[in-house]
C-alpha atoms as a PDB file:
ATOM      1  CA  MET A   1     -14.229  95.018 112.400  1.00  0.00           C
ATOM      2  CA  GLN A   2     -15.457  92.112 110.898  1.00  0.00           C
ATOM      3  CA  THR A   3     -19.207  93.008 109.592  1.00  0.00           C
ATOM      4  CA  PHE A   4     -21.594  90.305 108.722  1.00  0.00           C
ATOM      5  CA  GLU A   5     -21.848  90.070 105.495  1.00  0.00           C
ATOM      6  CA  THR A   6     -18.118  89.407 105.488  1.00  0.00           C
ATOM      7  CA  ALA A   7     -18.250  86.905 108.171  1.00  0.00           C
ATOM      8  CA  GLN A   8     -20.855  85.254 105.325  1.00  0.00           C
ATOM      9  CA  LEU A   9     -18.667  85.570 102.461  1.00  0.00           C
ATOM     10  CA  PHE A  10     -15.958  82.970 104.060  1.00  0.00           C
ATOM     11  CA  ARG A  11     -18.509  80.328 103.252  1.00  0.00           C
ATOM     12  CA  ALA A  12     -19.894  81.339  99.307  1.00  0.00           C
ATOM     13  CA  SER A  13     -18.989  79.829  96.465  1.00  0.00           C
ATOM     14  CA  PRO A  14     -17.227  82.437  94.138  1.00  0.00           C
ATOM     15  CA  GLU A  15     -20.518  84.081  92.975  1.00  0.00           C
ATOM     16  CA  HIS A  16     -22.031  85.061  96.019  1.00  0.00           C
ATOM     17  CA  LEU A  17     -18.290  86.035  97.303  1.00  0.00           C
ATOM     18  CA  LEU A  18     -17.796  87.965  93.827  1.00  0.00           C
ATOM     19  CA  ARG A  19     -21.266  89.584  94.133  1.00  0.00           C
ATOM     20  CA  GLY A  20     -20.226  90.262  98.113  1.00  0.00           C
ATOM     21  CA  LEU A  21     -17.452  92.108  97.663  1.00  0.00           C
ATOM     22  CA  GLU A  22     -19.153  94.321  95.363  1.00  0.00           C
ATOM     23  CA  ARG A  23     -22.157  95.139  97.644  1.00  0.00           C
ATOM     24  CA  GLU A  24     -19.414  96.079 100.352  1.00  0.00           C
ATOM     25  CA  GLY A  25     -18.404  98.381  97.578  1.00  0.00           C
ATOM     26  CA  LEU A  26     -15.538  97.283  95.538  1.00  0.00           C
ATOM     27  CA  ARG A  27     -15.004  96.437  91.786  1.00  0.00           C
ATOM     28  CA  ILE A  28     -13.229  93.346  90.706  1.00  0.00           C
ATOM     29  CA  ALA A  29     -11.748  93.159  87.139  1.00  0.00           C
ATOM     30  CA  ALA A  30      -9.379  90.219  85.984  1.00  0.00           C
ATOM     31  CA  ARG A  31      -6.725  91.520  83.709  1.00  0.00           C
ATOM     32  CA  SER A  32      -3.544  89.682  82.480  1.00  0.00           C
ATOM     33  CA  GLY A  33      -4.208  86.858  83.812  1.00  0.00           C
ATOM     34  CA  LYS A  34      -4.288  89.231  87.433  1.00  0.00           C
ATOM     35  CA  LEU A  35      -7.130  90.766  90.122  1.00  0.00           C
ATOM     36  CA  GLU A  36      -7.841  94.523  90.240  1.00  0.00           C
ATOM     37  CA  VAL A  37      -9.044  95.770  93.068  1.00  0.00           C
ATOM     38  CA  SER A  38     -10.968  98.952  93.921  1.00  0.00           C
ATOM     39  CA  PRO A  39     -10.683 100.710  95.361  1.00  0.00           C
ATOM     40  CA  SER A  40      -7.865  99.583  97.308  1.00  0.00           C
ATOM     41  CA  LYS A  41      -8.536 102.217  99.857  1.00  0.00           C
ATOM     42  CA  ALA A  42     -11.785 100.197 100.703  1.00  0.00           C
ATOM     43  CA  ILE A  43      -9.989  96.633 100.996  1.00  0.00           C
ATOM     44  CA  THR A  44     -10.347  94.990 104.462  1.00  0.00           C
ATOM     45  CA  PRO A  45      -7.845  92.185 105.741  1.00  0.00           C
ATOM     46  CA  LYS A  46     -10.766  90.009 105.395  1.00  0.00           C
ATOM     47  CA  ALA A  47     -11.598  90.864 101.962  1.00  0.00           C
ATOM     48  CA  ARG A  48      -8.127  90.601 100.979  1.00  0.00           C
ATOM     49  CA  GLU A  49      -7.762  87.202 102.582  1.00  0.00           C
ATOM     50  CA  LEU A  50     -11.017  85.856 101.066  1.00  0.00           C
ATOM     51  CA  ILE A  51      -9.755  87.384  97.743  1.00  0.00           C
ATOM     52  CA  ARG A  52      -6.347  85.426  97.821  1.00  0.00           C
ATOM     53  CA  LYS A  53      -8.282  81.783  98.458  1.00  0.00           C
ATOM     54  CA  ASN A  54     -10.242  82.329  95.836  1.00  0.00           C
ATOM     55  CA  LYS A  55      -7.905  83.913  93.226  1.00  0.00           C
ATOM     56  CA  PRO A  56      -8.638  81.098  90.525  1.00  0.00           C
ATOM     57  CA  SER A  57     -11.634  80.979  90.760  1.00  0.00           C
ATOM     58  CA  LEU A  58     -13.014  84.233  90.774  1.00  0.00           C
ATOM     59  CA  LEU A  59     -10.293  85.082  87.279  1.00  0.00           C
ATOM     60  CA  HIS A  60     -12.434  81.817  86.317  1.00  0.00           C
ATOM     61  CA  LEU A  61     -15.481  84.113  86.759  1.00  0.00           C
ATOM     62  CA  LEU A  62     -14.633  87.306  85.946  1.00  0.00           C
ATOM     63  CA  LYS A  63     -12.177  86.009  82.103  1.00  0.00           C
ATOM     64  CA  PRO A  64     -13.627  86.615  78.725  1.00  0.00           C
ATOM     65  CA  HIS A  65     -14.734  83.624  77.556  1.00  0.00           C
ATOM     66  CA  PRO A  66     -15.714  83.091  73.596  1.00  0.00           C
ATOM     67  CA  ILE A  67     -18.682  84.033  72.040  1.00  0.00           C
ATOM     68  CA  SER A  68     -19.657  80.400  70.969  1.00  0.00           C
ATOM     69  CA  GLU A  69     -19.582  78.676  75.104  1.00  0.00           C
ATOM     70  CA  ARG A  70     -21.017  81.755  76.007  1.00  0.00           C
ATOM     71  CA  LEU A  71     -24.273  80.897  73.518  1.00  0.00           C
ATOM     72  CA  GLY A  72     -24.052  77.202  75.164  1.00  0.00           C
ATOM     73  CA  SER A  73     -26.122  75.082  72.436  1.00  0.00           C
ATOM     74  CA  PHE A  74     -27.882  78.290  71.703  1.00  0.00           C
ATOM     75  CA  ASN A  75     -29.566  77.458  67.405  1.00  0.00           C
ATOM     76  CA  ALA A  76     -29.876  80.210  65.104  1.00  0.00           C
ATOM     77  CA  SER A  77     -32.338  77.630  62.598  1.00  0.00           C
END
């Protein structure tokens, strides 16, 4: 059965999708260009579909970024 939250995730931005999946108990990580989702037994068919459809965006959100990119225009002087 699809929960209200899962239904809302179909229309969510990648950031909201990630947070919503985490609220539903899933842990998602990017490793070597792949998504690792656990616990695997908790992945519903709808969640699996959302993850597959949004894989590129989720990988981008989860991959480490260079420190210069994270600091943005921060200037220490």
